[in-house]
């Protein structure tokens, strides 16, 4: 199932472990019913139509839904077509320039 409201991709914990993956993080989630749950997570390599991306996968319990989340969709450049119930390519949006029209000044981000 695809869920654009879910940030991360949820994969059965058993499957992630069978693939040799171990949790590297723990994430808290605020659920629709007001409950807060905690799940293990790992950065995993996914392959889709010959393209490979690293994405965060949550170790889903048996009662959790298996989801393809928004981060993974964006990493693969995909969007949801809800009318036809399918994934479609999403055109890449270029980064916004910090240059102001008509000037030569360029501001660079400052990292602290």
Protein backbone atom coordinates (compact mmCIF):
# COMPACT_ATOMS: atom_id res chain seq x y z
CA UNK A 1 0.00 0.00 0.00
CA UNK A 2 1.18 3.52 -0.75
CA UNK A 3 0.61 6.14 1.96
CA UNK A 4 1.71 9.70 1.20
CA UNK A 5 0.78 10.58 4.79
CA UNK A 6 3.45 8.24 6.08
CA UNK A 7 6.97 9.59 5.87
CA UNK A 8 8.76 6.27 5.90
CA UNK A 9 8.40 2.89 4.25
CA UNK A 10 7.16 0.16 6.60
CA UNK A 11 8.45 -3.36 5.92
CA UNK A 12 7.77 -6.50 7.98
CA UNK A 13 10.51 -6.78 10.61
CA UNK A 14 10.91 -10.49 9.81
CA UNK A 15 11.66 -9.70 6.16
CA UNK A 16 14.21 -7.00 6.99
CA UNK A 17 16.00 -9.41 9.32
CA UNK A 18 15.92 -12.18 6.69
CA UNK A 19 17.67 -9.72 4.37
CA UNK A 20 20.42 -9.36 6.98
CA UNK A 21 19.41 -5.89 8.17
CA UNK A 22 19.58 -4.86 11.81
CA UNK A 23 18.02 -1.77 13.36
CA UNK A 24 20.27 1.30 13.52
CA UNK A 25 17.72 3.72 14.93
CA UNK A 26 14.48 3.92 16.85
CA UNK A 27 11.69 6.31 15.82
CA UNK A 28 8.62 7.44 17.76
CA UNK A 29 5.36 7.77 15.84
CA UNK A 30 2.22 9.62 16.89
CA UNK A 31 -0.72 7.53 15.70
CA UNK A 32 -4.15 8.71 14.54
CA UNK A 33 -5.73 7.29 17.71
CA UNK A 34 -3.50 9.52 19.86
CA UNK A 35 -1.19 6.70 20.89
CA UNK A 36 2.60 7.03 20.56
CA UNK A 37 4.50 3.95 19.41
CA UNK A 38 8.17 3.29 18.87
CA UNK A 39 9.62 1.22 16.05
CA UNK A 40 13.14 0.26 15.00
CA UNK A 41 14.40 1.56 11.66
CA UNK A 42 17.29 1.07 9.26
CA UNK A 43 18.55 2.67 6.06
CA UNK A 44 18.08 0.08 3.32
CA UNK A 45 18.85 -0.17 -0.37
CA UNK A 46 15.76 -0.46 -2.60
CA UNK A 47 15.73 -1.27 -6.32
CA UNK A 48 12.81 -0.21 -8.51
CA UNK A 49 12.80 -0.47 -12.30
CA UNK A 50 16.60 -0.70 -12.34
CA UNK A 51 17.08 2.40 -10.15
CA UNK A 52 18.67 2.06 -6.73
CA UNK A 53 18.04 4.34 -3.76
CA UNK A 54 18.84 4.33 -0.05
CA UNK A 55 15.76 4.90 2.10
CA UNK A 56 14.62 4.60 5.69
CA UNK A 57 12.63 1.45 6.41
CA UNK A 58 10.68 0.91 9.61
CA UNK A 59 10.62 -2.57 11.17
CA UNK A 60 6.86 -3.16 11.06
CA UNK A 61 5.12 -5.39 13.61
CA UNK A 62 2.61 -8.02 12.47
CA UNK A 63 -0.27 -5.63 13.24
CA UNK A 64 1.27 -2.70 11.28
CA UNK A 65 0.33 -1.96 7.70
CA UNK A 66 3.02 -2.46 5.07
CA UNK A 67 3.52 0.94 3.44
CA UNK A 68 5.52 2.67 0.75
CA UNK A 69 6.05 6.10 2.31
CA UNK A 70 6.48 9.64 0.99
CA UNK A 71 10.27 9.78 1.39
CA UNK A 72 10.75 6.68 -0.75
CA UNK A 73 8.28 7.96 -3.36
CA UNK A 74 10.18 11.24 -3.66
CA UNK A 75 13.56 9.50 -3.79
CA UNK A 76 12.34 7.51 -6.79
CA UNK A 77 10.65 10.55 -8.35
CA UNK A 78 7.17 9.05 -8.11
CA UNK A 79 3.76 10.56 -7.40
CA UNK A 80 0.38 9.00 -6.72
CA UNK A 81 -2.36 9.07 -9.34
CA UNK A 82 -5.38 8.45 -7.08
CA UNK A 83 -7.90 8.35 -9.93
CA UNK A 84 -6.18 5.49 -11.77
CA UNK A 85 -4.68 4.02 -8.57
CA UNK A 86 -1.11 3.89 -9.79
CA UNK A 87 2.30 5.49 -9.36
CA UNK A 88 3.43 7.96 -12.02
CA UNK A 89 6.74 9.72 -12.69
CA UNK A 90 7.03 13.07 -10.97
CA UNK A 91 9.05 15.74 -12.76
CA UNK A 92 12.04 16.92 -10.74
CA UNK A 93 11.79 20.43 -9.36
CA UNK A 94 15.10 22.31 -9.53
CA UNK A 95 16.47 24.02 -6.44
CA UNK A 96 15.48 27.66 -6.13
CA UNK A 97 18.30 30.08 -6.85
CA UNK A 98 19.27 32.52 -4.13
CA UNK A 99 20.12 35.11 -6.78
CA UNK A 100 17.79 38.08 -6.93
CA UNK A 101 16.69 39.01 -10.46
CA UNK A 102 18.83 41.82 -11.84
CA UNK A 103 21.63 41.50 -9.28
CA UNK A 104 24.86 39.60 -9.18
CA UNK A 105 24.83 38.98 -5.43
CA UNK A 106 24.67 35.36 -4.45
CA UNK A 107 24.04 34.35 -0.86
CA UNK A 108 25.37 31.06 0.35
CA UNK A 109 23.88 29.10 3.19
CA UNK A 110 25.74 29.35 6.48
CA UNK A 111 26.09 26.12 8.41
CA UNK A 112 26.43 26.32 12.13
